[in-house]
């Protein structure tokens, strides 16, 4: 099962091919030394051997500025990359998992993204949200796919920043740690955090010093990279207000539904099911934990496949189907399967027509706001208004009186009009 709502990874190169590209990339790296990324985005005191890629060198949220003789520079720190120092915000940004791309977009720098994992999927999916944010759009669907990207392509992209977790990048067949260090030295630094999604164990070589962050802590650090602290603060205020409204209107715990959050796949008439706990630590559940629902799968191991009988036994009042929005999933097909399967018909959520879509597991701040609203309406329609029947397409349009956060204010912040 893919960690993201995946498409097929690109073909894995052989090690011989990789070494040929390494030699070619190294030659190009020497030839371009006069215009290396280090003239644009420089490491600040923590070079390869000194901890930049060996683990976190600090945990503070502050941004340090210094004068290096060429003008003001600034440093930002996050595990596992450590500290990086920049001369000015990056204009060409490589991303892998979409939560980092979402952050750049939310900060008004969506056009800087030059690569994304499964762009035809996630680029299209984000447009379903952005239809509700006036003047905000992406052009991600045609970007290079950054899954299993090789070193040669990383040289060709010539990014100013790799907004991706260097530890996560090494789980791909096309890159190892030496490759990551070479690209970080010759092209641009790495800066991202992926394993905070559910506080999973990173690869062994990175485990000792790896630190976990909330979604908004990662977002704060990315905002510092782009020097967009004001946009970050304004979006934080919207989120704070939204969380406060949800908390103030939640029904008593005894009146909250029992919820099964699952990911599904239909193939040859068979339904595959993977359950996820609602209260797992990490940013992957950040849009569901505040809703305080009873979890139907507290003792089920994540990423382990189950059958419909296990869902019947879990007895959920509500089923949330993650990755049910976007071009690679057909929510209606899954819902129809459940409604017509004699085993599934014994599930209260199916019987009472309370099977709902969720959009994405790895969303950033924009997806987070929409999915908080989405989940609140799906779980507690009496308190927050009903979620309508979803037949695919864009995120539903609600009258202003039924919106749990101000779309126009979010759009204005992203567009720089606030």
Protein backbone atom coordinates (compact mmCIF):
# COMPACT_ATOMS: atom_id res chain seq x y z
CA UNK A 1 0.00 0.00 0.00
CA UNK A 2 1.36 3.39 -0.92
CA UNK A 3 1.97 5.91 1.87
CA UNK A 4 0.22 8.52 -0.22
CA UNK A 5 -2.82 8.14 -2.38
CA UNK A 6 -0.46 6.93 -4.96
CA UNK A 7 0.06 6.40 -8.56
CA UNK A 8 2.68 3.96 -9.76
CA UNK A 9 6.24 5.01 -8.89
CA UNK A 10 8.49 5.78 -11.80
CA UNK A 11 10.71 2.99 -13.06
CA UNK A 12 13.57 2.25 -10.72
CA UNK A 13 17.00 2.77 -12.31
CA UNK A 14 19.72 0.22 -11.90
CA UNK A 15 22.67 0.99 -9.62
CA UNK A 16 24.97 1.13 -12.66
CA UNK A 17 22.69 3.67 -14.29
CA UNK A 18 22.61 5.62 -11.06
CA UNK A 19 26.40 5.73 -10.82
CA UNK A 20 26.63 6.89 -14.44
CA UNK A 21 24.24 9.72 -13.61
CA UNK A 22 26.24 10.43 -10.47
CA UNK A 23 29.44 10.91 -12.45
CA UNK A 24 27.64 13.04 -15.01
CA UNK A 25 25.95 15.04 -12.27
CA UNK A 26 29.24 15.56 -10.49
CA UNK A 27 30.82 16.88 -13.70
CA UNK A 28 27.93 19.28 -14.14
CA UNK A 29 28.26 20.26 -10.49
CA UNK A 30 31.92 21.20 -11.04
CA UNK A 31 31.18 23.07 -14.24
CA UNK A 32 28.57 25.20 -12.53
CA UNK A 33 30.55 25.86 -9.35
CA UNK A 34 30.70 29.57 -10.15
CA UNK A 35 26.91 29.74 -10.04
CA UNK A 36 26.25 27.07 -7.42
CA UNK A 37 23.17 27.28 -5.25
CA UNK A 38 25.46 28.15 -2.37
CA UNK A 39 25.62 31.66 -3.89
CA UNK A 40 21.87 31.79 -3.40
CA UNK A 41 20.97 29.46 -0.53
CA UNK A 42 23.86 28.67 1.82
CA UNK A 43 24.34 26.33 4.74
CA UNK A 44 24.87 28.20 7.96
CA UNK A 45 27.71 26.59 9.88
CA UNK A 46 26.26 23.06 9.78
CA UNK A 47 27.70 21.46 6.66
CA UNK A 48 27.41 17.78 5.77
CA UNK A 49 29.91 16.51 8.29
CA UNK A 50 28.76 18.93 10.95
CA UNK A 51 25.19 17.81 11.36
CA UNK A 52 23.06 19.36 8.62
CA UNK A 53 22.06 15.95 7.35
CA UNK A 54 22.97 13.92 10.40
CA UNK A 55 20.08 15.12 12.54
CA UNK A 56 18.51 18.11 14.17
CA UNK A 57 20.88 20.76 15.49
CA UNK A 58 18.21 22.73 17.30
CA UNK A 59 14.52 22.89 18.05
CA UNK A 60 13.82 26.59 18.47
CA UNK A 61 11.18 28.27 16.36
CA UNK A 62 13.10 31.52 16.20
CA UNK A 63 14.73 32.72 12.99
CA UNK A 64 18.24 34.05 13.33
CA UNK A 65 19.52 36.80 11.03
CA UNK A 66 23.12 37.63 10.37
CA UNK A 67 25.12 39.84 8.04
CA UNK A 68 27.55 37.78 5.97
CA UNK A 69 28.93 40.73 4.04
CA UNK A 70 26.63 40.20 1.05
CA UNK A 71 23.53 41.52 2.75
CA UNK A 72 21.23 40.11 5.39
CA UNK A 73 20.95 36.34 5.62
CA UNK A 74 18.71 34.29 7.90
CA UNK A 75 18.75 30.79 9.37
CA UNK A 76 15.94 28.33 10.02
CA UNK A 77 16.19 25.01 11.86
CA UNK A 78 14.10 21.85 11.64
CA UNK A 79 14.79 18.15 12.14
CA UNK A 80 16.09 16.18 10.37
CA UNK A 81 17.85 18.70 8.13
CA UNK A 82 19.15 20.88 10.93
CA UNK A 83 19.99 24.51 10.27
CA UNK A 84 19.98 26.10 6.84
CA UNK A 85 20.93 29.69 6.01
CA UNK A 86 19.43 31.62 3.12
CA UNK A 87 20.14 34.95 1.47
CA UNK A 88 16.53 35.44 0.37
CA UNK A 89 13.39 33.33 -0.14
CA UNK A 90 13.70 30.49 -2.65
CA UNK A 91 12.08 30.89 -6.06
CA UNK A 92 12.40 27.31 -7.37
CA UNK A 93 11.26 24.76 -4.80
CA UNK A 94 11.32 20.97 -5.06
CA UNK A 95 8.66 19.14 -3.02
CA UNK A 96 7.72 15.54 -2.44
CA UNK A 97 4.81 15.01 -0.03
CA UNK A 98 1.98 17.42 -0.62
CA UNK A 99 1.79 18.94 2.87
CA UNK A 100 4.97 20.90 2.07
CA UNK A 101 3.57 22.08 -1.27
CA UNK A 102 0.34 23.10 0.46
CA UNK A 103 2.40 25.23 2.87
CA UNK A 104 4.20 27.02 0.05
CA UNK A 105 0.85 27.67 -1.63
CA UNK A 106 -0.73 28.96 1.58
CA UNK A 107 2.17 31.39 1.96
CA UNK A 108 1.65 32.80 -1.53
CA UNK A 109 4.47 30.83 -3.18
CA UNK A 110 2.59 28.07 -4.95
CA UNK A 111 4.15 29.07 -8.27
CA UNK A 112 7.62 28.27 -6.91
CA UNK A 113 6.90 24.50 -6.83
CA UNK A 114 8.80 22.69 -9.59
CA UNK A 115 8.06 19.04 -8.66
CA UNK A 116 5.46 17.14 -6.63
CA UNK A 117 4.59 13.55 -5.81
CA UNK A 118 1.78 12.31 -8.08
CA UNK A 119 1.06 15.77 -9.50
CA UNK A 120 -1.75 14.60 -11.77
CA UNK A 121 -3.55 13.40 -8.64
CA UNK A 122 -2.69 15.93 -5.95
CA UNK A 123 -2.56 18.88 -8.31
CA UNK A 124 -6.08 18.10 -9.45
CA UNK A 125 -7.29 17.33 -5.93
CA UNK A 126 -6.13 20.70 -4.62
CA UNK A 127 -8.08 22.46 -7.32
CA UNK A 128 -11.21 20.97 -5.74
CA UNK A 129 -10.47 23.00 -2.60
CA UNK A 130 -9.21 26.07 -4.40
CA UNK A 131 -12.44 26.53 -6.33
CA UNK A 132 -13.74 27.92 -3.04
CA UNK A 133 -10.85 30.40 -2.65
CA UNK A 134 -11.28 33.25 -5.07
CA UNK A 135 -8.19 33.99 -7.13
CA UNK A 136 -6.18 31.06 -5.75
CA UNK A 137 -5.09 28.30 -8.12
CA UNK A 138 -2.20 25.97 -8.84
CA UNK A 139 -0.53 24.75 -11.98
CA UNK A 140 0.74 21.55 -10.41
CA UNK A 141 -0.90 18.83 -12.52
CA UNK A 142 1.80 19.02 -15.21
CA UNK A 143 4.80 19.12 -12.88
CA UNK A 144 7.46 16.38 -12.79
CA UNK A 145 6.64 13.52 -10.45
CA UNK A 146 9.08 13.67 -7.54
CA UNK A 147 8.55 10.06 -6.44
CA UNK A 148 11.64 7.97 -7.25
CA UNK A 149 13.20 10.99 -8.88
CA UNK A 150 16.87 10.41 -9.62
CA UNK A 151 19.89 12.57 -9.00
CA UNK A 152 20.22 13.64 -12.62
CA UNK A 153 16.75 15.16 -12.56
CA UNK A 154 17.47 16.91 -9.29
CA UNK A 155 20.45 18.58 -10.95
CA UNK A 156 18.30 19.50 -13.95
CA UNK A 157 15.60 21.07 -11.76
CA UNK A 158 18.31 23.29 -10.25
CA UNK A 159 16.13 24.13 -7.26
CA UNK A 160 16.82 26.85 -4.72
CA UNK A 161 15.43 24.64 -1.95
CA UNK A 162 14.42 20.99 -1.59
CA UNK A 163 11.33 21.31 0.61
CA UNK A 164 11.34 17.62 1.44
CA UNK A 165 12.45 15.38 4.28
CA UNK A 166 15.95 14.08 3.44
CA UNK A 167 15.36 10.96 5.53
CA UNK A 168 12.14 10.19 3.68
CA UNK A 169 13.82 10.66 0.31
CA UNK A 170 16.23 7.81 1.07
CA UNK A 171 13.41 5.23 1.18
CA UNK A 172 13.09 5.61 -2.58
CA UNK A 173 14.94 3.22 -4.86
CA UNK A 174 16.58 6.04 -6.79
CA UNK A 175 18.41 7.87 -3.98
CA UNK A 176 20.65 6.96 -1.07
CA UNK A 177 22.13 9.10 1.65
CA UNK A 178 25.26 9.89 -0.35
CA UNK A 179 23.04 11.17 -3.16
CA UNK A 180 21.07 13.32 -0.74
CA UNK A 181 24.26 14.82 0.68
CA UNK A 182 25.68 15.48 -2.79
CA UNK A 183 22.54 17.25 -3.95
CA UNK A 184 22.39 19.23 -0.73
CA UNK A 185 25.98 20.37 -1.24
CA UNK A 186 25.94 21.03 -4.99
CA UNK A 187 22.38 22.21 -5.66
CA UNK A 188 20.42 23.36 -2.60
CA UNK A 189 19.72 22.25 0.97
CA UNK A 190 16.97 19.92 2.14
CA UNK A 191 14.34 21.18 4.55
CA UNK A 192 11.26 19.15 5.39
CA UNK A 193 9.72 16.73 7.86
CA UNK A 194 7.60 13.74 6.83
CA UNK A 195 7.64 11.19 9.65
CA UNK A 196 5.69 13.48 11.94
CA UNK A 197 2.66 12.34 9.91
CA UNK A 198 1.93 9.60 12.46
CA UNK A 199 5.22 9.81 14.36
CA UNK A 200 6.54 6.79 12.49
CA UNK A 201 10.08 5.56 12.89
CA UNK A 202 12.37 7.12 10.28
CA UNK A 203 15.10 5.08 8.58
CA UNK A 204 17.59 3.74 11.10
CA UNK A 205 20.39 6.10 10.03
CA UNK A 206 18.22 9.08 11.00
CA UNK A 207 16.41 7.70 14.03
CA UNK A 208 18.58 8.89 16.92
CA UNK A 209 18.07 12.62 16.44
CA UNK A 210 14.76 12.72 14.58
CA UNK A 211 12.18 15.07 16.09
CA UNK A 212 8.44 15.20 15.58
CA UNK A 213 6.39 18.34 15.04
CA UNK A 214 2.75 19.29 14.70
CA UNK A 215 1.50 20.39 11.29
CA UNK A 216 1.45 24.00 12.38
CA UNK A 217 4.98 23.80 13.83
CA UNK A 218 6.27 22.60 10.47
CA UNK A 219 4.25 25.34 8.78
CA UNK A 220 5.80 27.98 11.03
CA UNK A 221 9.30 26.90 10.03
CA UNK A 222 8.41 26.81 6.34
CA UNK A 223 6.93 30.29 6.72
CA UNK A 224 10.27 31.44 8.13
CA UNK A 225 12.05 30.00 5.08
CA UNK A 226 9.85 32.10 2.78
CA UNK A 227 9.92 35.12 5.12
CA UNK A 228 6.15 34.96 5.27
CA UNK A 229 5.66 35.08 9.03
CA UNK A 230 2.75 37.52 8.72
CA UNK A 231 0.79 35.22 6.41
CA UNK A 232 1.48 32.37 8.83
CA UNK A 233 0.17 34.39 11.78
CA UNK A 234 -2.99 35.39 9.93
CA UNK A 235 -3.76 31.82 8.88
CA UNK A 236 -3.04 30.66 12.44
CA UNK A 237 -5.70 33.07 13.70
CA UNK A 238 -8.25 31.55 11.32
CA UNK A 239 -7.39 28.05 12.49
CA UNK A 240 -7.55 29.09 16.15
CA UNK A 241 -11.00 30.59 15.65
CA UNK A 242 -12.18 27.49 13.79
CA UNK A 243 -10.94 25.14 16.52
CA UNK A 244 -12.58 27.31 19.19
CA UNK A 245 -15.92 27.21 17.37
CA UNK A 246 -15.73 23.44 17.00
CA UNK A 247 -14.80 22.91 20.65
CA UNK A 248 -17.56 25.22 21.88
CA UNK A 249 -20.24 23.38 19.92
CA UNK A 250 -19.27 19.74 20.32
CA UNK A 251 -22.04 17.65 21.90
CA UNK A 252 -21.36 15.75 25.14
CA UNK A 253 -19.11 12.73 24.72
CA UNK A 254 -22.05 10.40 25.33
CA UNK A 255 -23.76 11.84 22.24
CA UNK A 256 -20.83 11.56 19.85
CA UNK A 257 -20.75 8.90 17.12
CA UNK A 258 -18.51 5.87 16.91
CA UNK A 259 -16.35 6.52 13.83
CA UNK A 260 -14.36 4.27 11.49
CA UNK A 261 -11.77 6.07 9.41
CA UNK A 262 -10.66 3.86 6.54
CA UNK A 263 -8.94 3.93 3.19
CA UNK A 264 -10.41 1.71 0.50
CA UNK A 265 -9.58 0.38 -2.93
CA UNK A 266 -11.82 -1.36 -5.43
CA UNK A 267 -10.29 -3.89 -7.81
CA UNK A 268 -12.01 -6.60 -9.83
CA UNK A 269 -15.14 -6.26 -7.74
CA UNK A 270 -13.34 -6.67 -4.41
CA UNK A 271 -13.04 -3.99 -1.74
CA UNK A 272 -9.73 -3.58 0.09
CA UNK A 273 -9.87 -1.81 3.46
CA UNK A 274 -7.16 -0.21 5.61
CA UNK A 275 -8.22 1.32 8.97
CA UNK A 276 -6.58 4.24 10.79
CA UNK A 277 -7.00 5.33 14.38
CA UNK A 278 -8.58 8.76 14.83
CA UNK A 279 -6.29 9.80 17.66
CA UNK A 280 -2.94 8.65 16.32
CA UNK A 281 -0.28 11.25 17.10
CA UNK A 282 0.99 13.35 14.23
CA UNK A 283 -0.33 15.74 11.65
CA UNK A 284 -2.08 13.05 9.60
CA UNK A 285 -4.98 13.08 12.09
CA UNK A 286 -4.82 16.80 12.91
CA UNK A 287 -8.17 17.44 11.22
CA UNK A 288 -9.94 14.63 13.10
CA UNK A 289 -8.58 14.68 16.66
CA UNK A 290 -10.29 18.01 17.52
CA UNK A 291 -13.66 16.46 16.67
CA UNK A 292 -13.45 14.17 19.70
CA UNK A 293 -15.38 11.25 18.23
CA UNK A 294 -15.26 7.71 19.59
CA UNK A 295 -12.78 5.62 17.59
CA UNK A 296 -14.03 2.32 16.20
CA UNK A 297 -10.47 1.05 15.57
CA UNK A 298 -8.46 1.84 18.69
CA UNK A 299 -6.66 -1.51 18.69
CA UNK A 300 -6.09 -1.93 14.95
CA UNK A 301 -2.60 -1.59 13.55
CA UNK A 302 -2.29 1.12 10.93
CA UNK A 303 -1.53 0.02 7.34
CA UNK A 304 -2.89 -3.48 8.10
CA UNK A 305 -5.61 -4.65 5.74
CA UNK A 306 -8.91 -5.86 7.18
CA UNK A 307 -12.09 -7.33 5.74
CA UNK A 308 -15.71 -6.20 5.92
CA UNK A 309 -16.42 -8.57 8.78
CA UNK A 310 -13.93 -6.61 10.89
CA UNK A 311 -15.77 -3.39 10.08
CA UNK A 312 -19.05 -5.03 11.07
CA UNK A 313 -17.48 -6.04 14.36
CA UNK A 314 -16.20 -2.49 14.91
CA UNK A 315 -19.85 -1.33 14.62
CA UNK A 316 -19.27 2.27 13.47
CA UNK A 317 -22.07 4.84 13.38
CA UNK A 318 -20.08 6.83 10.80
CA UNK A 319 -17.54 5.76 8.19
CA UNK A 320 -15.05 8.28 6.81
CA UNK A 321 -13.44 7.18 3.53
CA UNK A 322 -10.12 8.94 3.19
CA UNK A 323 -8.77 9.86 -0.27
CA UNK A 324 -12.36 9.81 -1.51
CA UNK A 325 -11.99 13.11 -3.35
CA UNK A 326 -9.81 13.58 -6.37
CA UNK A 327 -9.30 11.90 -9.74
CA UNK A 328 -7.98 8.51 -8.57
CA UNK A 329 -10.85 7.56 -6.26
CA UNK A 330 -14.54 7.11 -6.98
CA UNK A 331 -16.37 7.69 -3.72
CA UNK A 332 -19.77 6.90 -5.20
CA UNK A 333 -18.52 3.56 -6.49
CA UNK A 334 -17.24 2.64 -3.02
CA UNK A 335 -20.44 3.82 -1.35
CA UNK A 336 -22.54 1.86 -3.83
CA UNK A 337 -20.49 -1.27 -3.14
CA UNK A 338 -21.09 -0.95 0.60
CA UNK A 339 -24.81 -0.32 0.19
CA UNK A 340 -25.25 -3.42 -1.97
CA UNK A 341 -22.96 -5.85 -0.15
CA UNK A 342 -24.95 -8.13 2.22
CA UNK A 343 -22.17 -8.09 4.82
CA UNK A 344 -21.68 -4.31 4.70
CA UNK A 345 -25.42 -3.75 5.04
CA UNK A 346 -25.05 -4.82 8.68
CA UNK A 347 -22.85 -1.81 9.47
CA UNK A 348 -24.84 1.00 11.16
CA UNK A 349 -23.04 3.68 9.12
CA UNK A 350 -24.11 1.99 5.88
CA UNK A 351 -27.62 1.26 7.08
CA UNK A 352 -28.16 4.88 8.15
CA UNK A 353 -26.48 6.50 5.12
CA UNK A 354 -23.59 7.92 7.13
CA UNK A 355 -20.69 6.98 4.86
CA UNK A 356 -18.79 10.16 4.00
CA UNK A 357 -15.71 11.18 2.03
CA UNK A 358 -12.54 12.66 3.44
CA UNK A 359 -10.16 14.23 0.98
CA UNK A 360 -6.53 13.57 1.84
CA UNK A 361 -4.28 12.12 4.50
CA UNK A 362 -1.21 14.29 4.00
CA UNK A 363 -2.70 17.73 3.59
CA UNK A 364 -1.11 20.98 4.67
CA UNK A 365 -2.80 24.06 6.18
CA UNK A 366 -5.26 24.69 3.33
CA UNK A 367 -6.53 21.11 3.30
CA UNK A 368 -6.49 21.17 7.11
CA UNK A 369 -8.99 24.04 7.31
CA UNK A 370 -11.36 22.50 4.78
CA UNK A 371 -11.19 19.04 6.34
CA UNK A 372 -11.83 20.35 9.85
CA UNK A 373 -15.02 21.90 8.51
CA UNK A 374 -15.78 18.81 6.46
CA UNK A 375 -15.43 16.44 9.41
CA UNK A 376 -17.43 18.67 11.75
CA UNK A 377 -20.37 18.70 9.34
CA UNK A 378 -20.17 14.97 8.66
CA UNK A 379 -20.01 13.95 12.31
CA UNK A 380 -22.19 16.63 13.92
CA UNK A 381 -24.73 17.99 11.41
CA UNK A 382 -27.01 19.27 14.18
CA UNK A 383 -24.24 21.51 15.51
CA UNK A 384 -22.41 22.57 12.33
CA UNK A 385 -24.82 22.04 9.45
CA UNK A 386 -25.16 19.03 7.18
CA UNK A 387 -22.58 17.80 4.73
CA UNK A 388 -24.43 17.40 1.41
CA UNK A 389 -24.45 14.31 -0.74
CA UNK A 390 -21.09 14.32 -2.53
CA UNK A 391 -21.19 13.21 -6.16
CA UNK A 392 -17.60 14.11 -6.96
CA UNK A 393 -16.12 17.37 -8.15
CA UNK A 394 -15.23 20.47 -6.17
CA UNK A 395 -15.55 20.91 -2.44
CA UNK A 396 -19.22 21.80 -1.86
CA UNK A 397 -20.21 25.45 -1.82
CA UNK A 398 -21.91 26.55 1.41
CA UNK A 399 -23.70 29.83 2.09
CA UNK A 400 -21.62 32.18 4.23
CA UNK A 401 -23.87 31.50 7.21
CA UNK A 402 -22.93 27.79 7.04
CA UNK A 403 -19.18 28.24 6.51
CA UNK A 404 -17.06 27.48 9.56
CA UNK A 405 -14.20 29.68 8.34
CA UNK A 406 -14.01 32.76 6.13
CA UNK A 407 -13.06 31.69 2.58
CA UNK A 408 -12.48 35.23 1.41
CA UNK A 409 -10.13 36.00 4.27
CA UNK A 410 -8.07 32.89 3.50
CA UNK A 411 -7.97 33.79 -0.19
CA UNK A 412 -6.92 37.35 0.62
CA UNK A 413 -4.07 36.13 2.81
CA UNK A 414 -2.77 33.77 0.13
CA UNK A 415 -3.13 36.43 -2.57
CA UNK A 416 -1.42 39.07 -0.46
CA UNK A 417 -4.55 41.22 -0.19
CA UNK A 418 -5.09 40.99 3.56
